[in-house]
Protein backbone atom coordinates (compact mmCIF):
# COMPACT_ATOMS: atom_id res chain seq x y z
CA MET A 1 0.23 0.08 0.03
CA ARG A 2 2.28 2.70 -1.37
CA ASN A 3 -1.08 5.63 -1.60
CA ARG A 4 0.41 8.36 -0.09
CA VAL A 5 -0.83 11.71 -0.60
CA TYR A 6 1.18 14.73 -0.93
CA TYR A 7 -0.86 17.34 -0.27
CA LYS A 8 0.28 21.23 -0.81
CA LEU A 9 -2.44 21.89 0.92
CA ILE A 10 -2.27 26.05 -0.15
CA ALA A 11 -5.60 25.50 -2.30
CA GLY A 12 -8.33 27.68 0.53
CA LEU A 13 -5.79 28.23 3.24
CA LEU A 14 -4.99 31.86 2.00
CA THR A 15 -8.57 32.84 2.95
CA LEU A 16 -9.03 30.50 5.79
CA CYS A 17 -6.35 31.21 7.70
CA SER A 18 -8.40 32.93 10.79
CA LEU A 19 -7.08 36.96 12.16
CA THR A 20 -6.91 37.38 15.49
CA ALA A 21 -9.80 39.56 16.25
CA TRP A 22 -8.62 43.60 16.29
CA ALA A 23 -10.17 47.53 16.39
CA GLY A 24 -9.70 50.35 13.75
CA ASP A 25 -8.35 49.74 10.72
CA VAL A 26 -7.41 46.30 11.18
CA GLU A 27 -11.65 45.93 11.66
CA ASP A 28 -12.78 47.85 8.92
CA GLY A 29 -10.29 46.35 6.56
CA LEU A 30 -11.88 42.63 7.51
CA ALA A 31 -15.47 43.70 6.81
CA ALA A 32 -14.43 45.60 3.59
CA TYR A 33 -12.56 42.75 2.30
CA ASN A 34 -15.02 40.15 3.45
CA LYS A 35 -17.58 41.94 1.15
CA LYS A 36 -14.87 41.98 -1.59
CA GLU A 37 -14.43 45.56 -0.87
CA TYR A 38 -10.95 44.58 -2.23
CA PHE A 39 -10.18 48.31 -2.13
CA VAL A 40 -11.55 49.96 1.22
CA ALA A 41 -9.88 46.28 2.71
CA LEU A 42 -6.28 47.07 1.19
CA SER A 43 -6.28 50.89 1.84
CA ASN A 44 -7.40 49.81 5.73
CA PHE A 45 -4.82 46.63 6.54
CA SER A 46 -2.23 49.28 4.90
CA LEU A 47 -3.24 51.70 7.43
CA ALA A 48 -2.35 48.99 10.17
CA ALA A 49 0.33 47.03 8.23
CA ALA A 50 2.63 50.59 8.81
CA LYS A 51 1.86 50.59 12.18
CA GLY A 52 3.27 46.98 12.75
CA ASP A 53 0.02 44.78 13.13
CA LYS A 54 0.57 41.72 12.20
CA ALA A 55 -2.57 40.51 11.20
CA ALA A 56 -2.93 43.26 8.54
CA GLN A 57 0.58 42.86 7.21
CA PHE A 58 0.15 38.80 6.52
CA LYS A 59 -4.04 39.93 4.96
CA LEU A 60 -1.44 42.45 2.95
CA GLY A 61 0.43 39.56 2.26
CA ASN A 62 -2.44 37.16 1.28
CA MET A 63 -3.93 40.17 -1.16
CA TYR A 64 -0.92 40.69 -3.54
CA ASN A 65 -0.15 36.51 -3.32
CA LYS A 66 -3.78 36.20 -4.42
CA GLY A 67 -4.02 39.49 -6.57
CA GLU A 68 -6.69 40.62 -4.71
CA GLY A 69 -7.46 44.96 -5.32
CA VAL A 70 -3.75 45.06 -6.74
CA VAL A 71 -2.15 43.77 -9.85
CA GLN A 72 -0.59 39.96 -8.50
CA ASP A 73 2.71 40.67 -7.20
CA TYR A 74 4.68 37.88 -4.90
CA ALA A 75 7.72 40.06 -5.04
CA GLU A 76 5.14 42.35 -2.40
CA ALA A 77 3.63 39.84 -1.14
CA VAL A 78 7.09 37.76 0.09
CA LYS A 79 7.97 41.29 1.56
CA TRP A 80 4.99 41.30 4.24
CA TYR A 81 4.87 37.67 4.69
CA LYS A 82 8.57 39.27 6.35
CA LEU A 83 7.11 41.60 8.76
CA ALA A 84 4.47 38.91 9.75
CA ALA A 85 6.31 36.20 10.15
CA ALA A 86 8.97 38.21 12.23
CA GLN A 87 6.68 39.24 14.40
CA GLY A 88 5.04 35.73 14.98
CA ASN A 89 2.53 34.73 12.33
CA ALA A 90 2.32 31.40 12.08
CA GLY A 91 0.51 31.70 8.66
CA ALA A 92 3.10 34.38 6.91
CA GLN A 93 5.85 32.03 8.56
CA PHE A 94 3.75 28.63 6.56
CA PHE A 95 3.33 31.18 3.70
CA LEU A 96 6.93 31.63 3.11
CA GLY A 97 8.13 28.92 3.40
CA TYR A 98 5.64 27.85 0.36
CA MET A 99 7.29 30.51 -1.32
CA TYR A 100 10.72 29.80 -0.51
CA ASN A 101 9.62 26.37 -2.02
CA ASN A 102 8.23 27.62 -4.74
CA GLY A 103 10.74 29.97 -5.77
CA GLN A 104 8.00 32.93 -5.88
CA GLY A 105 8.69 36.19 -5.36
CA VAL A 106 11.97 35.44 -3.98
CA VAL A 107 14.80 32.55 -5.24
CA GLN A 108 13.86 29.32 -4.33
CA ASP A 109 15.65 28.17 -1.14
CA TYR A 110 14.56 24.35 0.49
CA ALA A 111 16.90 25.29 3.59
CA GLU A 112 14.17 28.41 3.59
CA ALA A 113 11.65 26.14 3.04
CA VAL A 114 12.02 23.95 5.72
CA LYS A 115 13.25 26.13 8.48
CA TRP A 116 9.15 28.32 8.07
CA TYR A 117 7.73 25.63 7.92
CA LYS A 118 9.49 24.47 11.21
CA LEU A 119 8.20 27.60 12.68
CA ALA A 120 4.71 27.86 11.86
CA ALA A 121 4.41 23.94 12.84
CA ALA A 122 5.76 24.88 15.95
CA GLN A 123 3.24 27.33 16.57
CA GLY A 124 1.01 24.39 16.06
CA ASP A 125 -0.12 25.09 11.76
CA ALA A 126 -0.98 21.42 10.84
CA GLY A 127 -0.80 22.82 7.46
CA ALA A 128 2.52 22.72 7.65
CA GLN A 129 2.84 19.78 10.14
CA PHE A 130 1.81 18.12 6.97
CA ILE A 131 3.49 19.44 4.51
CA LEU A 132 6.89 19.14 6.86
CA GLY A 133 5.94 15.21 7.43
CA SER A 134 5.63 14.92 3.88
CA MET A 135 8.66 16.02 2.42
CA TYR A 136 10.09 13.85 4.99
CA ASP A 137 8.53 10.66 4.40
CA SER A 138 9.26 11.46 0.60
CA GLY A 139 13.36 12.86 0.70
CA GLN A 140 12.09 16.42 -1.07
CA ASN A 141 14.45 18.49 -0.93
CA VAL A 142 15.25 16.88 3.16
CA VAL A 143 17.33 13.37 4.07
CA GLN A 144 14.19 11.16 4.15
CA ASP A 145 13.61 10.28 7.60
CA TYR A 146 10.73 8.55 8.40
CA ALA A 147 10.25 8.34 11.67
CA GLU A 148 10.66 12.25 11.68
CA ALA A 149 7.41 12.00 8.84
CA VAL A 150 5.41 9.99 11.41
CA LYS A 151 6.69 13.04 13.77
CA TRP A 152 4.74 15.53 11.76
CA TYR A 153 2.09 13.16 10.28
CA LYS A 154 0.52 13.25 14.40
CA LEU A 155 0.81 16.22 15.31
CA ALA A 156 -1.35 17.16 11.80
CA ALA A 157 -4.00 14.27 11.58
CA VAL A 158 -5.09 14.78 15.93
CA GLN A 159 -5.88 18.34 14.28
CA GLY A 160 -8.59 16.38 11.86
CA ILE A 161 -6.30 16.07 8.82
CA ALA A 162 -7.99 14.11 6.67
CA PRO A 163 -4.22 13.78 4.62
CA ALA A 164 -2.31 13.14 8.10
CA GLN A 165 -4.19 10.28 9.48
CA LEU A 166 -4.19 8.79 5.44
CA ASN A 167 -0.26 9.10 4.80
CA LEU A 168 -0.28 8.10 8.46
CA GLY A 169 -2.01 4.26 7.49
CA VAL A 170 0.39 3.66 5.09
CA MET A 171 3.20 4.58 7.86
CA TYR A 172 1.93 2.11 10.34
CA SER A 173 1.07 -0.43 7.24
CA ASN A 174 4.49 -0.73 5.63
CA GLY A 175 6.67 -0.63 9.37
CA GLN A 176 7.97 2.18 7.81
CA GLY A 177 9.09 5.28 11.10
CA VAL A 178 6.96 2.85 13.69
CA VAL A 179 6.64 -0.59 14.03
CA GLN A 180 4.43 -2.24 11.80
CA ASP A 181 0.92 -2.86 13.28
CA TYR A 182 -2.56 -3.46 10.44
CA THR A 183 -5.14 -2.51 13.75
CA ARG A 184 -3.18 0.95 13.88
CA ALA A 185 -3.24 1.16 10.14
CA HIS A 186 -6.93 0.91 9.74
CA MET A 187 -7.33 3.06 13.07
CA TRP A 188 -6.36 6.30 11.05
CA TYR A 189 -7.78 5.02 7.43
CA ASN A 190 -11.27 4.86 9.18
CA LEU A 191 -10.70 8.37 10.02
CA SER A 192 -9.07 9.75 6.91
CA ALA A 193 -13.04 7.43 5.37
CA ILE A 194 -14.60 9.83 7.61
CA ASP A 195 -14.34 12.95 5.58
CA GLY A 196 -14.72 10.56 1.90
CA ASP A 197 -11.22 10.01 1.26
CA ALA A 198 -11.11 7.38 -1.11
CA ILE A 199 -8.20 6.10 -1.36
CA ALA A 200 -8.12 6.18 1.93
CA VAL A 201 -11.12 4.00 2.33
CA LYS A 202 -9.11 1.84 -0.44
CA ASN A 203 -6.43 1.60 1.67
CA ARG A 204 -8.57 0.61 4.91
CA ASP A 205 -10.77 -2.46 2.56
CA ILE A 206 -7.63 -4.34 1.27
CA ILE A 207 -6.23 -4.15 4.58
CA ALA A 208 -8.73 -5.03 6.15
CA ALA A 209 -7.95 -8.53 3.95
CA LYS A 210 -5.25 -9.04 6.04
CA MET A 211 -6.59 -8.85 9.46
CA THR A 212 -8.56 -11.16 11.37
CA PRO A 213 -12.22 -10.50 12.74
CA GLN A 214 -11.13 -9.04 16.01
CA GLN A 215 -8.36 -6.87 14.80
CA ILE A 216 -11.35 -5.47 12.98
CA THR A 217 -13.32 -5.04 15.77
CA GLU A 218 -10.70 -3.18 17.23
CA ALA A 219 -10.01 -1.08 14.28
CA GLN A 220 -13.65 0.33 14.03
CA LYS A 221 -13.55 0.71 17.92
CA LEU A 222 -10.02 2.90 18.42
CA ALA A 223 -10.83 4.89 15.66
CA ARG A 224 -14.63 5.93 17.53
CA GLU A 225 -12.89 6.36 20.43
CA CYS A 226 -10.77 8.50 18.29
CA GLN A 227 -12.93 10.52 16.50
CA ALA A 228 -14.69 10.88 20.32
CA ARG A 229 -12.20 12.37 21.86
CA ASN A 230 -11.99 14.89 18.70
CA PHE A 231 -8.67 13.16 17.51
CA LYS A 232 -7.06 13.85 21.08
CA ASN A 233 -4.76 10.36 22.10
CA CYS A 234 -5.59 8.39 19.60
CA ASP A 235 -1.89 7.20 18.60
C-alpha cells in the first residue's frame, strides 16, 4: 500500500487562515474584505500594517499573493509575509515556506522553506506539519526520515487533517517510521475515510483482508474513540 497523498494544502488556506480580533483600521479592513471591497480593505490593512500590526501585514501578503484589489505581486507578498512572520505570525511563516519552496517572489531556497515551515509547525499550524511530514516521507528537499515524517503527520492528524491520517495509515501498514501495525493502520484509514477520502477507503479495504475479525473490530473501536475525543490521544 504505497498510496500516499502529498497535498500542498494551499488551495483555500489564503482565505481560511484566521485573523485575530482587531480594532480600528484592521477591523474595518476585514469587514470590507469579507464584502469583496478590496480597495477599501487594502487601504485599511495598509494603514494598520504600517503601524506594525502583524495580522494586517499577513492579510496584505495574502492580497498581493492572490492579486485581490492589486496586481498580483509575489515579491510584495513576501515583503509583508516577512514582516508578519518576524513577529511570530504562523500563517505568514507557512506561506513564506511555500514561497521559498516554489521560488515565488524570492530565489528558490529549500533550506529556507523548511525553516519557515518548521517555525509555523512549532506553533501548531497543521498545514505546515503535514507538508513537513510529506517532505520527510518522500525525501523532498530533506534527507528522507520516516520517523520524522510520522512525527509531523501525527501532529497534523490529531488536528483532523485527513491526508495526514491517510499517510499515517500507510506508514503503519508498511512499518515505516513505526512498528508495523495493521490495527493502527486500519484505524487511521477509517478516520481519513470519514472525510470521504477514496484512497483511504481503498487502503482500508485492502488491509482488512490481512486482518482477523477481532483486529478489525478493535481498529473500528479505536477510530470511534479517537473521533469522540476530537482526535486527541489517538496514538
